[in-house]
Amino acid sequence: PVKCFVQVNVSGEESKHGLSKEETIPFIQALEKFSKI
């Protein structure tokens, strides 16, 4: 298992990577099936 930080683009800047705040929790919930994360 790998210790991961989920990257969130809080500021919404186009130059930055990451999920929007609204996308973050659904994304984390979708990670349940991954045993290595």
PDB file of all heavy atoms in Angstrom:
ATOM      1  N   PRO A   1       0.820  -1.215   0.000  1.00  0.00           N
ATOM      2  CA  PRO A   1       0.000   0.000   0.000  1.00  0.00           C
ATOM      3  C   PRO A   1       0.856   1.269   0.000  1.00  0.00           C
ATOM      4  O   PRO A   1       1.896   1.330   0.660  1.00  0.00           O
ATOM      5  CB  PRO A   1      -0.811  -0.125   1.295  1.00  0.00           C
ATOM      6  CG  PRO A   1      -0.907  -1.596   1.532  1.00  0.00           C
ATOM      7  CD  PRO A   1       0.422  -2.151   1.079  1.00  0.00           C
ATOM      8  N   VAL A   2       0.408   2.261  -0.744  1.00  0.00           N
ATOM      9  CA  VAL A   2       1.129   3.521  -0.886  1.00  0.00           C
ATOM     10  C   VAL A   2       0.353   4.628  -0.162  1.00  0.00           C
ATOM     11  O   VAL A   2      -0.867   4.746  -0.317  1.00  0.00           O
ATOM     12  CB  VAL A   2       1.282   3.901  -2.375  1.00  0.00           C
ATOM     13  CG1 VAL A   2       2.047   5.213  -2.514  1.00  0.00           C
ATOM     14  CG2 VAL A   2       1.990   2.792  -3.142  1.00  0.00           C
ATOM     15  N   LYS A   3       1.069   5.413   0.634  1.00  0.00           N
ATOM     16  CA  LYS A   3       0.448   6.550   1.326  1.00  0.00           C
ATOM     17  C   LYS A   3       0.265   7.685   0.318  1.00  0.00           C
ATOM     18  O   LYS A   3       1.244   8.180  -0.227  1.00  0.00           O
ATOM     19  CB  LYS A   3       1.323   7.001   2.499  1.00  0.00           C
ATOM     20  CG  LYS A   3       1.431   5.963   3.598  1.00  0.00           C
ATOM     21  CD  LYS A   3       2.427   6.394   4.653  1.00  0.00           C
ATOM     22  CE  LYS A   3       2.562   5.324   5.732  1.00  0.00           C
ATOM     23  NZ  LYS A   3       3.638   5.624   6.683  1.00  0.00           N
ATOM     24  N   CYS A   4      -0.977   8.048   0.089  1.00  0.00           N
ATOM     25  CA  CYS A   4      -1.280   9.033  -0.944  1.00  0.00           C
ATOM     26  C   CYS A   4      -1.996  10.251  -0.371  1.00  0.00           C
ATOM     27  O   CYS A   4      -2.859  10.132   0.505  1.00  0.00           O
ATOM     28  CB  CYS A   4      -2.185   8.417  -2.015  1.00  0.00           C
ATOM     29  SG  CYS A   4      -1.434   7.066  -2.946  1.00  0.00           S
ATOM     30  N   PHE A   5      -1.631  11.410  -0.904  1.00  0.00           N
ATOM     31  CA  PHE A   5      -2.399  12.634  -0.711  1.00  0.00           C
ATOM     32  C   PHE A   5      -3.218  12.853  -1.981  1.00  0.00           C
ATOM     33  O   PHE A   5      -2.675  12.788  -3.088  1.00  0.00           O
ATOM     34  CB  PHE A   5      -1.472  13.841  -0.515  1.00  0.00           C
ATOM     35  CG  PHE A   5      -0.769  13.877   0.813  1.00  0.00           C
ATOM     36  CD1 PHE A   5       0.439  13.226   0.993  1.00  0.00           C
ATOM     37  CD2 PHE A   5      -1.312  14.579   1.878  1.00  0.00           C
ATOM     38  CE1 PHE A   5       1.099  13.268   2.205  1.00  0.00           C
ATOM     39  CE2 PHE A   5      -0.656  14.632   3.105  1.00  0.00           C
ATOM     40  CZ  PHE A   5       0.547  13.968   3.273  1.00  0.00           C
ATOM     41  N   VAL A   6      -4.493  13.107  -1.828  1.00  0.00           N
ATOM     42  CA  VAL A   6      -5.322  13.479  -2.968  1.00  0.00           C
ATOM     43  C   VAL A   6      -5.104  14.966  -3.232  1.00  0.00           C
ATOM     44  O   VAL A   6      -5.243  15.795  -2.331  1.00  0.00           O
ATOM     45  CB  VAL A   6      -6.807  13.169  -2.695  1.00  0.00           C
ATOM     46  CG1 VAL A   6      -7.702  13.783  -3.768  1.00  0.00           C
ATOM     47  CG2 VAL A   6      -7.021  11.658  -2.637  1.00  0.00           C
ATOM     48  N   GLN A   7      -4.750  15.296  -4.481  1.00  0.00           N
ATOM     49  CA  GLN A   7      -4.452  16.683  -4.833  1.00  0.00           C
ATOM     50  C   GLN A   7      -5.736  17.413  -5.198  1.00  0.00           C
ATOM     51  O   GLN A   7      -6.489  16.978  -6.066  1.00  0.00           O
ATOM     52  CB  GLN A   7      -3.463  16.755  -5.991  1.00  0.00           C
ATOM     53  CG  GLN A   7      -3.066  18.191  -6.337  1.00  0.00           C
ATOM     54  CD  GLN A   7      -1.890  18.262  -7.288  1.00  0.00           C
ATOM     55  OE1 GLN A   7      -1.282  17.249  -7.621  1.00  0.00           O
ATOM     56  NE2 GLN A   7      -1.566  19.457  -7.730  1.00  0.00           N
ATOM     57  N   VAL A   8      -5.946  18.550  -4.534  1.00  0.00           N
ATOM     58  CA  VAL A   8      -7.156  19.349  -4.736  1.00  0.00           C
ATOM     59  C   VAL A   8      -6.757  20.730  -5.254  1.00  0.00           C
ATOM     60  O   VAL A   8      -5.900  21.395  -4.665  1.00  0.00           O
ATOM     61  CB  VAL A   8      -7.956  19.492  -3.421  1.00  0.00           C
ATOM     62  CG1 VAL A   8      -9.291  20.186  -3.686  1.00  0.00           C
ATOM     63  CG2 VAL A   8      -8.186  18.129  -2.766  1.00  0.00           C
ATOM     64  N   ASN A   9      -7.364  21.136  -6.327  1.00  0.00           N
ATOM     65  CA  ASN A   9      -7.121  22.471  -6.885  1.00  0.00           C
ATOM     66  C   ASN A   9      -8.140  23.428  -6.274  1.00  0.00           C
ATOM     67  O   ASN A   9      -9.128  23.795  -6.906  1.00  0.00           O
ATOM     68  CB  ASN A   9      -7.227  22.426  -8.409  1.00  0.00           C
ATOM     69  CG  ASN A   9      -6.886  23.753  -9.068  1.00  0.00           C
ATOM     70  OD1 ASN A   9      -6.575  24.734  -8.401  1.00  0.00           O
ATOM     71  ND2 ASN A   9      -6.951  23.788 -10.381  1.00  0.00           N
ATOM     72  N   VAL A  10      -7.888  23.822  -5.035  1.00  0.00           N
ATOM     73  CA  VAL A  10      -8.851  24.645  -4.296  1.00  0.00           C
ATOM     74  C   VAL A  10      -9.060  25.992  -4.981  1.00  0.00           C
ATOM     75  O   VAL A  10     -10.183  26.493  -5.070  1.00  0.00           O
ATOM     76  CB  VAL A  10      -8.384  24.851  -2.834  1.00  0.00           C
ATOM     77  CG1 VAL A  10      -9.342  25.766  -2.083  1.00  0.00           C
ATOM     78  CG2 VAL A  10      -8.265  23.511  -2.112  1.00  0.00           C
ATOM     79  N   SER A  11      -7.992  26.579  -5.474  1.00  0.00           N
ATOM     80  CA  SER A  11      -8.075  27.921  -6.065  1.00  0.00           C
ATOM     81  C   SER A  11      -8.753  27.932  -7.429  1.00  0.00           C
ATOM     82  O   SER A  11      -9.197  28.984  -7.899  1.00  0.00           O
ATOM     83  CB  SER A  11      -6.673  28.522  -6.198  1.00  0.00           C
ATOM     84  OG  SER A  11      -5.916  27.799  -7.160  1.00  0.00           O
ATOM     85  N   GLY A  12      -8.814  26.754  -8.073  1.00  0.00           N
ATOM     86  CA  GLY A  12      -9.443  26.680  -9.391  1.00  0.00           C
ATOM     87  C   GLY A  12      -8.602  27.242 -10.523  1.00  0.00           C
ATOM     88  O   GLY A  12      -9.105  27.422 -11.641  1.00  0.00           O
ATOM     89  N   GLU A  13      -7.327  27.497 -10.264  1.00  0.00           N
ATOM     90  CA  GLU A  13      -6.453  28.034 -11.312  1.00  0.00           C
ATOM     91  C   GLU A  13      -6.220  26.984 -12.403  1.00  0.00           C
ATOM     92  O   GLU A  13      -5.945  25.827 -12.102  1.00  0.00           O
ATOM     93  CB  GLU A  13      -5.104  28.441 -10.713  1.00  0.00           C
ATOM     94  CG  GLU A  13      -5.164  29.628  -9.782  1.00  0.00           C
ATOM     95  CD  GLU A  13      -3.823  29.871  -9.114  1.00  0.00           C
ATOM     96  OE1 GLU A  13      -3.551  29.223  -8.089  1.00  0.00           O
ATOM     97  OE2 GLU A  13      -3.048  30.691  -9.626  1.00  0.00           O
ATOM     98  N   GLU A  14      -6.300  27.417 -13.653  1.00  0.00           N
ATOM     99  CA  GLU A  14      -6.114  26.488 -14.768  1.00  0.00           C
ATOM    100  C   GLU A  14      -4.692  25.937 -14.823  1.00  0.00           C
ATOM    101  O   GLU A  14      -4.464  24.845 -15.349  1.00  0.00           O
ATOM    102  CB  GLU A  14      -6.450  27.189 -16.089  1.00  0.00           C
ATOM    103  CG  GLU A  14      -7.951  27.394 -16.282  1.00  0.00           C
ATOM    104  CD  GLU A  14      -8.282  27.948 -17.650  1.00  0.00           C
ATOM    105  OE1 GLU A  14      -7.393  27.973 -18.528  1.00  0.00           O
ATOM    106  OE2 GLU A  14      -9.445  28.355 -17.841  1.00  0.00           O
ATOM    107  N   SER A  15      -3.747  26.688 -14.283  1.00  0.00           N
ATOM    108  CA  SER A  15      -2.343  26.264 -14.336  1.00  0.00           C
ATOM    109  C   SER A  15      -2.027  25.155 -13.329  1.00  0.00           C
ATOM    110  O   SER A  15      -0.948  24.575 -13.357  1.00  0.00           O
ATOM    111  CB  SER A  15      -1.429  27.464 -14.053  1.00  0.00           C
ATOM    112  OG  SER A  15      -1.693  28.003 -12.760  1.00  0.00           O
ATOM    113  N   LYS A  16      -2.975  24.862 -12.435  1.00  0.00           N
ATOM    114  CA  LYS A  16      -2.713  23.873 -11.382  1.00  0.00           C
ATOM    115  C   LYS A  16      -3.476  22.571 -11.651  1.00  0.00           C
ATOM    116  O   LYS A  16      -4.592  22.579 -12.157  1.00  0.00           O
ATOM    117  CB  LYS A  16      -3.099  24.435 -10.014  1.00  0.00           C
ATOM    118  CG  LYS A  16      -2.144  25.521  -9.518  1.00  0.00           C
ATOM    119  CD  LYS A  16      -2.504  25.982  -8.122  1.00  0.00           C
ATOM    120  CE  LYS A  16      -1.397  26.827  -7.506  1.00  0.00           C
ATOM    121  NZ  LYS A  16      -1.039  28.007  -8.281  1.00  0.00           N
ATOM    122  N   HIS A  17      -2.841  21.467 -11.276  1.00  0.00           N
ATOM    123  CA  HIS A  17      -3.482  20.159 -11.366  1.00  0.00           C
ATOM    124  C   HIS A  17      -4.345  19.930 -10.125  1.00  0.00           C
ATOM    125  O   HIS A  17      -4.264  20.656  -9.142  1.00  0.00           O
ATOM    126  CB  HIS A  17      -2.425  19.056 -11.458  1.00  0.00           C
ATOM    127  CG  HIS A  17      -1.660  19.070 -12.744  1.00  0.00           C
ATOM    128  ND1 HIS A  17      -2.073  18.401 -13.870  1.00  0.00           N
ATOM    129  CD2 HIS A  17      -0.495  19.690 -13.084  1.00  0.00           C
ATOM    130  CE1 HIS A  17      -1.212  18.595 -14.851  1.00  0.00           C
ATOM    131  NE2 HIS A  17      -0.234  19.376 -14.402  1.00  0.00           N
ATOM    132  N   GLY A  18      -5.146  18.884 -10.187  1.00  0.00           N
ATOM    133  CA  GLY A  18      -5.920  18.501  -9.014  1.00  0.00           C
ATOM    134  C   GLY A  18      -7.417  18.522  -9.264  1.00  0.00           C
ATOM    135  O   GLY A  18      -7.918  19.080 -10.248  1.00  0.00           O
ATOM    136  N   LEU A  19      -8.122  17.897  -8.337  1.00  0.00           N
ATOM    137  CA  LEU A  19      -9.576  17.830  -8.393  1.00  0.00           C
ATOM    138  C   LEU A  19     -10.185  19.116  -7.847  1.00  0.00           C
ATOM    139  O   LEU A  19      -9.580  19.797  -7.018  1.00  0.00           O
ATOM    140  CB  LEU A  19     -10.063  16.666  -7.535  1.00  0.00           C
ATOM    141  CG  LEU A  19      -9.585  15.278  -7.964  1.00  0.00           C
ATOM    142  CD1 LEU A  19      -9.552  14.339  -6.778  1.00  0.00           C
ATOM    143  CD2 LEU A  19     -10.489  14.726  -9.047  1.00  0.00           C
ATOM    144  N   SER A  20     -11.392  19.416  -8.283  1.00  0.00           N
ATOM    145  CA  SER A  20     -12.127  20.513  -7.647  1.00  0.00           C
ATOM    146  C   SER A  20     -12.581  20.039  -6.262  1.00  0.00           C
ATOM    147  O   SER A  20     -12.609  18.836  -5.975  1.00  0.00           O
ATOM    148  CB  SER A  20     -13.339  20.906  -8.485  1.00  0.00           C
ATOM    149  OG  SER A  20     -14.306  19.866  -8.457  1.00  0.00           O
ATOM    150  N   LYS A  21     -12.958  20.989  -5.426  1.00  0.00           N
ATOM    151  CA  LYS A  21     -13.459  20.612  -4.094  1.00  0.00           C
ATOM    152  C   LYS A  21     -14.668  19.685  -4.210  1.00  0.00           C
ATOM    153  O   LYS A  21     -14.802  18.725  -3.441  1.00  0.00           O
ATOM    154  CB  LYS A  21     -13.834  21.860  -3.296  1.00  0.00           C
ATOM    155  CG  LYS A  21     -12.666  22.690  -2.828  1.00  0.00           C
ATOM    156  CD  LYS A  21     -13.089  23.717  -1.789  1.00  0.00           C
ATOM    157  CE  LYS A  21     -14.110  24.671  -2.346  1.00  0.00           C
ATOM    158  NZ  LYS A  21     -14.578  25.641  -1.329  1.00  0.00           N
ATOM    159  N   GLU A  22     -15.528  19.962  -5.186  1.00  0.00           N
ATOM    160  CA  GLU A  22     -16.759  19.184  -5.351  1.00  0.00           C
ATOM    161  C   GLU A  22     -16.476  17.749  -5.800  1.00  0.00           C
ATOM    162  O   GLU A  22     -17.240  16.827  -5.480  1.00  0.00           O
ATOM    163  CB  GLU A  22     -17.686  19.876  -6.362  1.00  0.00           C
ATOM    164  CG  GLU A  22     -18.213  21.230  -5.922  1.00  0.00           C
ATOM    165  CD  GLU A  22     -17.174  22.346  -5.951  1.00  0.00           C
ATOM    166  OE1 GLU A  22     -16.181  22.247  -6.714  1.00  0.00           O
ATOM    167  OE2 GLU A  22     -17.338  23.326  -5.183  1.00  0.00           O
ATOM    168  N   GLU A  23     -15.399  17.575  -6.523  1.00  0.00           N
ATOM    169  CA  GLU A  23     -15.058  16.242  -7.038  1.00  0.00           C
ATOM    170  C   GLU A  23     -14.349  15.367  -6.005  1.00  0.00           C
ATOM    171  O   GLU A  23     -14.275  14.143  -6.175  1.00  0.00           O
ATOM    172  CB  GLU A  23     -14.125  16.379  -8.252  1.00  0.00           C
ATOM    173  CG  GLU A  23     -14.748  16.997  -9.481  1.00  0.00           C
ATOM    174  CD  GLU A  23     -13.719  17.325 -10.547  1.00  0.00           C
ATOM    175  OE1 GLU A  23     -12.577  17.716 -10.200  1.00  0.00           O
ATOM    176  OE2 GLU A  23     -14.057  17.201 -11.736  1.00  0.00           O
ATOM    177  N   THR A  24     -13.804  15.984  -4.961  1.00  0.00           N
ATOM    178  CA  THR A  24     -12.855  15.285  -4.095  1.00  0.00           C
ATOM    179  C   THR A  24     -13.474  14.124  -3.315  1.00  0.00           C
ATOM    180  O   THR A  24     -12.948  13.005  -3.322  1.00  0.00           O
ATOM    181  CB  THR A  24     -12.176  16.279  -3.136  1.00  0.00           C
ATOM    182  OG1 THR A  24     -11.486  17.274  -3.916  1.00  0.00           O
ATOM    183  CG2 THR A  24     -11.176  15.570  -2.230  1.00  0.00           C
ATOM    184  N   ILE A  25     -14.576  14.360  -2.640  1.00  0.00           N
ATOM    185  CA  ILE A  25     -15.162  13.283  -1.823  1.00  0.00           C
ATOM    186  C   ILE A  25     -15.672  12.126  -2.688  1.00  0.00           C
ATOM    187  O   ILE A  25     -15.380  10.955  -2.384  1.00  0.00           O
ATOM    188  CB  ILE A  25     -16.230  13.835  -0.861  1.00  0.00           C
ATOM    189  CG1 ILE A  25     -15.527  14.603   0.274  1.00  0.00           C
ATOM    190  CG2 ILE A  25     -17.099  12.706  -0.292  1.00  0.00           C
ATOM    191  CD1 ILE A  25     -16.434  15.242   1.283  1.00  0.00           C
ATOM    192  N   PRO A  26     -16.404  12.387  -3.791  1.00  0.00           N
ATOM    193  CA  PRO A  26     -16.783  11.253  -4.661  1.00  0.00           C
ATOM    194  C   PRO A  26     -15.560  10.474  -5.168  1.00  0.00           C
ATOM    195  O   PRO A  26     -15.612   9.236  -5.271  1.00  0.00           O
ATOM    196  CB  PRO A  26     -17.538  11.931  -5.813  1.00  0.00           C
ATOM    197  CG  PRO A  26     -18.085  13.182  -5.225  1.00  0.00           C
ATOM    198  CD  PRO A  26     -17.054  13.642  -4.233  1.00  0.00           C
ATOM    199  N   PHE A  27     -14.476  11.189  -5.483  1.00  0.00           N
ATOM    200  CA  PHE A  27     -13.259  10.517  -5.935  1.00  0.00           C
ATOM    201  C   PHE A  27     -12.700   9.615  -4.833  1.00  0.00           C
ATOM    202  O   PHE A  27     -12.365   8.438  -5.084  1.00  0.00           O
ATOM    203  CB  PHE A  27     -12.215  11.557  -6.346  1.00  0.00           C
ATOM    204  CG  PHE A  27     -10.867  10.971  -6.712  1.00  0.00           C
ATOM    205  CD1 PHE A  27     -10.677  10.293  -7.912  1.00  0.00           C
ATOM    206  CD2 PHE A  27      -9.784  11.082  -5.849  1.00  0.00           C
ATOM    207  CE1 PHE A  27      -9.442   9.744  -8.248  1.00  0.00           C
ATOM    208  CE2 PHE A  27      -8.547  10.549  -6.172  1.00  0.00           C
ATOM    209  CZ  PHE A  27      -8.380   9.873  -7.377  1.00  0.00           C
ATOM    210  N   ILE A  28     -12.616  10.129  -3.628  1.00  0.00           N
ATOM    211  CA  ILE A  28     -12.085   9.325  -2.514  1.00  0.00           C
ATOM    212  C   ILE A  28     -12.977   8.114  -2.263  1.00  0.00           C
ATOM    213  O   ILE A  28     -12.488   7.004  -2.012  1.00  0.00           O
ATOM    214  CB  ILE A  28     -11.929  10.198  -1.250  1.00  0.00           C
ATOM    215  CG1 ILE A  28     -10.779  11.197  -1.456  1.00  0.00           C
ATOM    216  CG2 ILE A  28     -11.656   9.328  -0.009  1.00  0.00           C
ATOM    217  CD1 ILE A  28     -10.614  12.218  -0.351  1.00  0.00           C
ATOM    218  N   GLN A  29     -14.287   8.285  -2.352  1.00  0.00           N
ATOM    219  CA  GLN A  29     -15.202   7.152  -2.154  1.00  0.00           C
ATOM    220  C   GLN A  29     -14.992   6.089  -3.235  1.00  0.00           C
ATOM    221  O   GLN A  29     -15.117   4.887  -2.968  1.00  0.00           O
ATOM    222  CB  GLN A  29     -16.649   7.663  -2.151  1.00  0.00           C
ATOM    223  CG  GLN A  29     -16.981   8.457  -0.893  1.00  0.00           C
ATOM    224  CD  GLN A  29     -18.327   9.154  -0.956  1.00  0.00           C
ATOM    225  OE1 GLN A  29     -18.747   9.609  -2.025  1.00  0.00           O
ATOM    226  NE2 GLN A  29     -19.003   9.254   0.180  1.00  0.00           N
ATOM    227  N   ALA A  30     -14.623   6.512  -4.431  1.00  0.00           N
ATOM    228  CA  ALA A  30     -14.393   5.565  -5.536  1.00  0.00           C
ATOM    229  C   ALA A  30     -13.088   4.787  -5.374  1.00  0.00           C
ATOM    230  O   ALA A  30     -12.863   3.806  -6.088  1.00  0.00           O
ATOM    231  CB  ALA A  30     -14.378   6.321  -6.862  1.00  0.00           C
ATOM    232  N   LEU A  31     -12.245   5.200  -4.428  1.00  0.00           N
ATOM    233  CA  LEU A  31     -10.960   4.525  -4.221  1.00  0.00           C
ATOM    234  C   LEU A  31     -11.081   3.298  -3.313  1.00  0.00           C
ATOM    235  O   LEU A  31     -10.098   2.591  -3.100  1.00  0.00           O
ATOM    236  CB  LEU A  31      -9.937   5.503  -3.608  1.00  0.00           C
ATOM    237  CG  LEU A  31      -9.535   6.703  -4.477  1.00  0.00           C
ATOM    238  CD1 LEU A  31      -8.646   7.658  -3.673  1.00  0.00           C
ATOM    239  CD2 LEU A  31      -8.813   6.257  -5.746  1.00  0.00           C
ATOM    240  N   GLU A  32     -12.262   3.034  -2.806  1.00  0.00           N
ATOM    241  CA  GLU A  32     -12.453   1.935  -1.854  1.00  0.00           C
ATOM    242  C   GLU A  32     -11.986   0.593  -2.404  1.00  0.00           C
ATOM    243  O   GLU A  32     -11.458  -0.248  -1.669  1.00  0.00           O
ATOM    244  CB  GLU A  32     -13.928   1.843  -1.455  1.00  0.00           C
ATOM    245  CG  GLU A  32     -14.206   0.761  -0.416  1.00  0.00           C
ATOM    246  CD  GLU A  32     -15.652   0.747   0.026  1.00  0.00           C
ATOM    247  OE1 GLU A  32     -16.482   1.402  -0.635  1.00  0.00           O
ATOM    248  OE2 GLU A  32     -15.945   0.080   1.032  1.00  0.00           O
ATOM    249  N   LYS A  33     -12.127   0.406  -3.708  1.00  0.00           N
ATOM    250  CA  LYS A  33     -11.809  -0.901  -4.301  1.00  0.00           C
ATOM    251  C   LYS A  33     -10.316  -1.123  -4.501  1.00  0.00           C
ATOM    252  O   LYS A  33      -9.901  -2.213  -4.903  1.00  0.00           O
ATOM    253  CB  LYS A  33     -12.532  -1.038  -5.650  1.00  0.00           C
ATOM    254  CG  LYS A  33     -12.138   0.004  -6.673  1.00  0.00           C
ATOM    255  CD  LYS A  33     -12.997  -0.091  -7.935  1.00  0.00           C
ATOM    256  CE  LYS A  33     -12.643   1.006  -8.930  1.00  0.00           C
ATOM    257  NZ  LYS A  33     -13.502   1.002 -10.111  1.00  0.00           N
ATOM    258  N   PHE A  34      -9.485  -0.099  -4.244  1.00  0.00           N
ATOM    259  CA  PHE A  34      -8.047  -0.220  -4.492  1.00  0.00           C
ATOM    260  C   PHE A  34      -7.304  -0.557  -3.189  1.00  0.00           C
ATOM    261  O   PHE A  34      -7.189   0.284  -2.308  1.00  0.00           O
ATOM    262  CB  PHE A  34      -7.497   1.082  -5.089  1.00  0.00           C
ATOM    263  CG  PHE A  34      -8.117   1.448  -6.408  1.00  0.00           C
ATOM    264  CD1 PHE A  34      -8.964   2.537  -6.516  1.00  0.00           C
ATOM    265  CD2 PHE A  34      -7.857   0.702  -7.547  1.00  0.00           C
ATOM    266  CE1 PHE A  34      -9.546   2.888  -7.729  1.00  0.00           C
ATOM    267  CE2 PHE A  34      -8.434   1.035  -8.764  1.00  0.00           C
ATOM    268  CZ  PHE A  34      -9.278   2.126  -8.850  1.00  0.00           C
ATOM    269  N   SER A  35      -6.785  -1.775  -3.109  1.00  0.00           N
ATOM    270  CA  SER A  35      -6.137  -2.221  -1.867  1.00  0.00           C
ATOM    271  C   SER A  35      -4.755  -1.593  -1.660  1.00  0.00           C
ATOM    272  O   SER A  35      -4.216  -1.621  -0.559  1.00  0.00           O
ATOM    273  CB  SER A  35      -6.003  -3.740  -1.880  1.00  0.00           C
ATOM    274  OG  SER A  35      -5.148  -4.149  -2.943  1.00  0.00           O
ATOM    275  N   LYS A  36      -4.165  -1.045  -2.724  1.00  0.00           N
ATOM    276  CA  LYS A  36      -2.804  -0.505  -2.632  1.00  0.00           C
ATOM    277  C   LYS A  36      -2.777   1.006  -2.366  1.00  0.00           C
ATOM    278  O   LYS A  36      -1.713   1.612  -2.371  1.00  0.00           O
ATOM    279  CB  LYS A  36      -2.033  -0.794  -3.932  1.00  0.00           C
ATOM    280  CG  LYS A  36      -1.911  -2.282  -4.263  1.00  0.00           C
ATOM    281  CD  LYS A  36      -1.014  -3.007  -3.288  1.00  0.00           C
ATOM    282  CE  LYS A  36      -0.946  -4.499  -3.574  1.00  0.00           C
ATOM    283  NZ  LYS A  36      -0.525  -4.821  -4.938  1.00  0.00           N
ATOM    284  N   ILE A  37      -3.936   1.605  -2.146  1.00  0.00           N
ATOM    285  CA  ILE A  37      -3.989   3.055  -1.937  1.00  0.00           C
ATOM    286  C   ILE A  37      -4.543   3.369  -0.559  1.00  0.00           C
ATOM    287  O   ILE A  37      -5.635   2.930  -0.197  1.00  0.00           O
ATOM    288  CB  ILE A  37      -4.833   3.735  -3.026  1.00  0.00           C
ATOM    289  CG1 ILE A  37      -4.072   3.688  -4.359  1.00  0.00           C
ATOM    290  CG2 ILE A  37      -5.147   5.189  -2.649  1.00  0.00           C
ATOM    291  CD1 ILE A  37      -4.823   4.196  -5.533  1.00  0.00           C
TER     292      ILE A  37
END
